[in-house]
Protein backbone atom coordinates (compact mmCIF):
# COMPACT_ATOMS: atom_id res chain seq x y z
CA MET A 1 38.97 -66.64 -10.24
CA LYS A 2 36.29 -69.28 -9.53
CA PHE A 3 33.96 -66.55 -8.33
CA LYS A 4 34.43 -64.51 -11.54
CA THR A 5 33.87 -67.58 -13.68
CA LEU A 6 30.72 -68.55 -11.76
CA SER A 7 29.39 -64.95 -12.09
CA VAL A 8 29.85 -64.98 -15.85
CA VAL A 9 28.16 -68.34 -16.19
CA CYS A 10 25.21 -67.09 -14.02
CA LEU A 11 24.82 -63.92 -16.11
CA LEU A 12 24.92 -65.88 -19.36
CA PHE A 13 22.27 -68.26 -18.00
CA LEU A 14 19.98 -65.47 -16.86
CA ASN A 15 20.31 -63.62 -20.25
CA ALA A 16 19.66 -66.86 -22.17
CA ASN A 17 16.62 -67.61 -19.92
CA LEU A 18 15.23 -64.04 -20.39
CA PHE A 19 15.56 -63.95 -24.15
CA SER A 20 14.26 -67.47 -24.52
CA GLN A 21 10.87 -66.01 -23.51
CA ASP A 22 8.59 -64.38 -26.03
CA VAL A 23 9.01 -60.62 -25.39
CA GLY A 24 5.71 -58.84 -26.11
CA ILE A 25 5.78 -55.19 -27.27
CA ASN A 26 2.64 -53.20 -26.47
CA VAL A 27 1.36 -49.60 -26.26
CA SER A 28 -1.28 -48.17 -24.02
CA ALA A 29 -3.52 -45.08 -23.96
CA VAL A 30 -4.27 -43.88 -20.44
CA MET A 31 -6.89 -41.60 -18.80
CA GLN A 32 -6.80 -40.79 -15.09
CA PRO A 33 -9.62 -38.76 -13.53
CA THR A 34 -8.32 -37.12 -10.33
CA MET A 35 -8.37 -34.13 -8.01
CA ILE A 36 -5.47 -31.65 -7.99
CA ASP A 37 -5.51 -28.73 -5.52
CA GLY A 38 -9.19 -29.48 -4.80
CA LYS A 39 -10.29 -29.35 -8.42
CA PHE A 40 -11.33 -32.09 -10.79
CA THR A 41 -8.57 -32.69 -13.40
CA LEU A 42 -8.18 -35.21 -16.18
CA ILE A 43 -4.65 -36.58 -16.67
CA THR A 44 -4.06 -38.30 -19.98
CA GLY A 45 -1.06 -39.97 -21.50
CA GLY A 46 0.41 -43.19 -22.82
CA ARG A 47 3.13 -45.74 -22.36
CA VAL A 48 5.13 -48.09 -24.50
CA GLY A 49 7.08 -51.07 -23.35
CA ALA A 50 7.51 -54.77 -23.25
CA ASN A 51 6.27 -57.80 -21.34
CA LEU A 52 9.60 -59.51 -20.69
CA THR A 53 7.51 -62.47 -19.42
CA PRO A 54 3.71 -62.76 -19.20
CA GLU A 55 4.01 -61.59 -15.59
CA VAL A 56 6.56 -58.75 -15.86
CA TYR A 57 6.16 -55.50 -17.84
CA THR A 58 8.60 -52.52 -18.12
CA GLY A 59 8.46 -49.48 -20.26
CA ILE A 60 8.42 -45.71 -20.50
CA ALA A 61 5.40 -43.51 -19.88
CA ILE A 62 4.41 -39.91 -20.28
CA TYR A 63 1.38 -38.22 -18.64
CA GLY A 64 0.02 -34.69 -18.26
CA THR A 65 -2.94 -32.29 -17.85
CA THR A 66 -2.59 -31.11 -21.41
CA LEU A 67 -6.09 -32.03 -22.55
CA PHE A 68 -7.93 -30.82 -19.49
CA LYS A 69 -6.76 -27.67 -17.73
CA ASN A 70 -8.05 -25.95 -14.62
CA THR A 71 -7.72 -22.52 -13.14
CA SER A 72 -5.95 -22.07 -9.85
CA ASP A 73 -6.80 -20.17 -6.61
CA ALA A 74 -4.06 -17.64 -7.54
CA ILE A 75 -4.11 -14.17 -9.14
CA ASP A 76 -1.34 -12.84 -11.27
CA ILE A 77 -0.47 -9.39 -9.74
CA TYR A 78 0.50 -7.95 -13.11
CA ALA A 79 -2.03 -9.48 -15.55
CA ASN A 80 -4.87 -9.57 -12.83
CA ASP A 81 -5.95 -13.00 -14.15
CA ASN A 82 -6.26 -16.55 -12.92
CA PRO A 83 -3.47 -18.66 -14.30
CA ILE A 84 -4.00 -22.32 -15.30
CA PHE A 85 -2.08 -25.01 -13.41
CA GLU A 86 -0.45 -27.75 -15.46
CA MET A 87 1.56 -30.85 -14.55
CA ASN A 88 3.42 -33.06 -16.99
CA TYR A 89 5.54 -36.06 -16.03
CA PHE A 90 7.51 -38.86 -17.64
CA GLY A 91 9.60 -41.84 -16.51
CA LEU A 92 9.72 -45.59 -16.15
CA GLU A 93 6.82 -47.81 -15.31
CA PHE A 94 6.91 -51.37 -14.01
CA GLU A 95 4.05 -53.76 -13.64
CA TYR A 96 3.64 -57.35 -12.23
CA PHE A 97 0.65 -59.44 -13.32
CA LEU A 98 -0.88 -62.25 -11.27
CA VAL A 99 -2.36 -65.22 -13.27
CA PRO A 100 -2.14 -63.22 -16.63
CA GLU A 101 -3.73 -66.12 -18.48
CA LYS A 102 -7.04 -65.48 -16.75
CA VAL A 103 -9.63 -63.26 -18.45
CA LEU A 104 -9.68 -61.06 -15.35
CA HIS A 105 -6.46 -60.71 -13.44
CA PRO A 106 -4.91 -58.21 -11.08
CA SER A 107 -1.60 -56.40 -11.38
CA PHE A 108 0.57 -54.12 -9.32
CA VAL A 109 2.21 -51.15 -11.01
CA VAL A 110 4.61 -48.43 -10.04
CA PHE A 111 5.69 -45.31 -11.94
CA ALA A 112 8.80 -43.35 -11.08
CA GLY A 113 9.94 -40.24 -12.91
CA ILE A 114 10.20 -36.48 -13.12
CA ALA A 115 7.26 -34.04 -13.01
CA ASN A 116 7.20 -30.47 -14.23
CA THR A 117 4.56 -28.30 -12.47
CA PHE A 118 3.92 -24.86 -13.94
CA PHE A 119 1.31 -22.17 -14.65
CA THR A 120 0.13 -20.45 -17.83
CA ILE A 121 -2.10 -17.50 -18.59
CA PRO A 122 -3.67 -16.15 -21.76
CA PRO A 123 -1.46 -13.66 -23.74
CA TYR A 124 -1.21 -10.34 -21.79
CA PHE A 125 0.24 -7.12 -23.15
CA ASP A 126 1.22 -4.08 -21.10
CA GLU A 127 0.57 -0.39 -21.92
CA ASP A 128 3.52 -0.43 -24.35
CA GLU A 129 2.13 -3.49 -26.14
CA LYS A 130 4.92 -5.67 -24.84
CA ARG A 131 4.11 -9.33 -24.23
CA TYR A 132 4.24 -10.42 -20.60
CA PHE A 133 6.10 -13.66 -19.95
CA PRO A 134 5.85 -14.48 -16.21
CA SER A 135 8.64 -16.34 -14.53
CA TYR A 136 6.28 -19.16 -13.42
CA TYR A 137 6.18 -20.38 -17.01
CA ASP A 138 9.44 -22.23 -16.21
CA GLY A 139 7.76 -24.06 -13.29
CA LEU A 140 9.33 -26.39 -10.73
CA GLN A 141 10.57 -29.93 -11.40
CA THR A 142 10.20 -32.65 -8.83
CA ILE A 143 10.31 -36.44 -8.38
CA LEU A 144 6.97 -38.23 -8.71
CA ILE A 145 6.25 -41.76 -7.68
CA LYS A 146 2.89 -43.37 -8.40
CA PRO A 147 2.08 -46.92 -7.18
CA GLY A 148 -1.16 -48.51 -8.16
CA VAL A 149 -3.31 -51.61 -8.51
CA ASN A 150 -5.15 -52.59 -11.65
CA ILE A 151 -7.75 -55.12 -12.87
CA ASN A 152 -6.84 -56.30 -16.40
CA ILE A 153 -9.57 -57.67 -18.79
CA ASN A 154 -8.36 -59.86 -21.70
CA ILE A 155 -10.71 -58.93 -24.56
CA LYS A 156 -8.61 -60.34 -27.33
CA PRO A 157 -5.02 -61.77 -27.50
CA PHE A 158 -3.87 -58.38 -28.72
CA TYR A 159 -6.31 -56.12 -26.83
CA ARG A 160 -6.85 -55.46 -23.09
CA ILE A 161 -8.87 -53.02 -21.01
CA VAL A 162 -7.69 -51.95 -17.60
CA VAL A 163 -9.45 -50.36 -14.60
CA GLY A 164 -7.63 -49.46 -11.44
CA ALA A 165 -6.49 -46.86 -8.94
CA ALA A 166 -3.16 -45.12 -8.19
CA TYR A 167 -1.69 -42.61 -5.81
CA ARG A 168 0.67 -39.75 -6.75
CA PHE A 169 3.39 -39.35 -4.17
CA ILE A 170 5.67 -36.26 -4.47
CA PRO A 171 8.33 -36.10 -1.75
CA SER A 172 9.78 -32.80 -0.49
CA TYR A 173 7.76 -30.46 -2.75
CA SER A 174 7.21 -26.78 -1.89
CA TYR A 175 6.82 -24.17 -4.57
CA LYS A 176 6.43 -20.47 -3.81
CA VAL A 177 5.08 -19.33 -7.18
CA PRO A 178 6.61 -15.97 -8.35
CA ASP A 179 4.20 -13.13 -9.29
CA LEU A 180 1.12 -14.98 -7.89
CA VAL A 181 -0.91 -14.24 -4.80
CA ASN A 182 -3.77 -16.19 -3.17
CA LYS A 183 -7.00 -14.72 -4.40
CA ASP A 184 -8.61 -14.92 -0.93
CA SER A 185 -5.82 -13.87 1.44
CA GLY A 186 -3.56 -11.81 -0.90
CA MET A 187 -0.56 -13.69 0.46
CA PRO A 188 2.15 -15.17 -1.80
CA PHE A 189 0.78 -18.32 -3.53
CA ILE A 190 2.48 -21.51 -2.42
CA LEU A 191 2.02 -25.03 -3.67
CA ASN A 192 2.86 -27.91 -1.36
CA ALA A 193 2.91 -31.65 -1.94
CA SER A 194 -0.46 -32.00 -0.32
CA ASN A 195 -1.96 -29.78 -3.08
CA ILE A 196 -1.01 -32.10 -5.92
CA GLU A 197 -0.60 -35.55 -4.31
CA GLY A 198 -3.64 -37.72 -4.38
CA PHE A 199 -5.56 -40.75 -5.67
CA SER A 200 -6.57 -41.14 -9.31
CA ILE A 201 -8.67 -43.66 -11.18
CA ASN A 202 -6.74 -45.52 -13.82
CA LEU A 203 -8.48 -46.29 -17.20
CA MET A 204 -6.31 -47.84 -19.90
CA ILE A 205 -6.57 -49.55 -23.25
CA LYS A 206 -3.63 -51.75 -24.32
CA PHE A 207 -2.72 -53.06 -27.75
CA GLY A 208 0.03 -55.37 -28.84
CA SER A 209 1.63 -58.57 -27.63
CA PHE A 210 1.54 -59.63 -24.03
């Protein structure tokens, strides 16, 4: 009974301490130049969340290759065309800031979420004028973890610029893509984690309260 009472008191104390802080809501626009499967790709996205304290941020984020797409080293055996590889992912992002009151200060960030990797091709019609919808449109979902380090620049109390680097880590990923063959070998096209894992530059603009 004493343990339960003490636990409740501790929880109430922690909650009171947390919400006694000024919680700052902020949004960010993100751009991440990177290499995917040996090709330059631009990942863009955004995040929205809260600084629970000046040092601790948590929020949700969504990223993708939507604004910059790249052809793959595969050939669709029916459409005889190079499909475009795309990757979109969303999840939670956590960041810890060191000396956030300084104009320049570092932070450590980690993203954890779900990624959808898939291919698209321009509309293709067969001899009977029927639209071709390849099975690889559905793609493959996987877990994606992305730790990183940032340098934050306090421009204004409501405005920050961020430059940093991150690494995409995708555990246990292997995708034998239906209806696609490697354009050089003619063998079935397979994507492994090593094809889409890698470093990226992190460029971000933040607005809001910190």
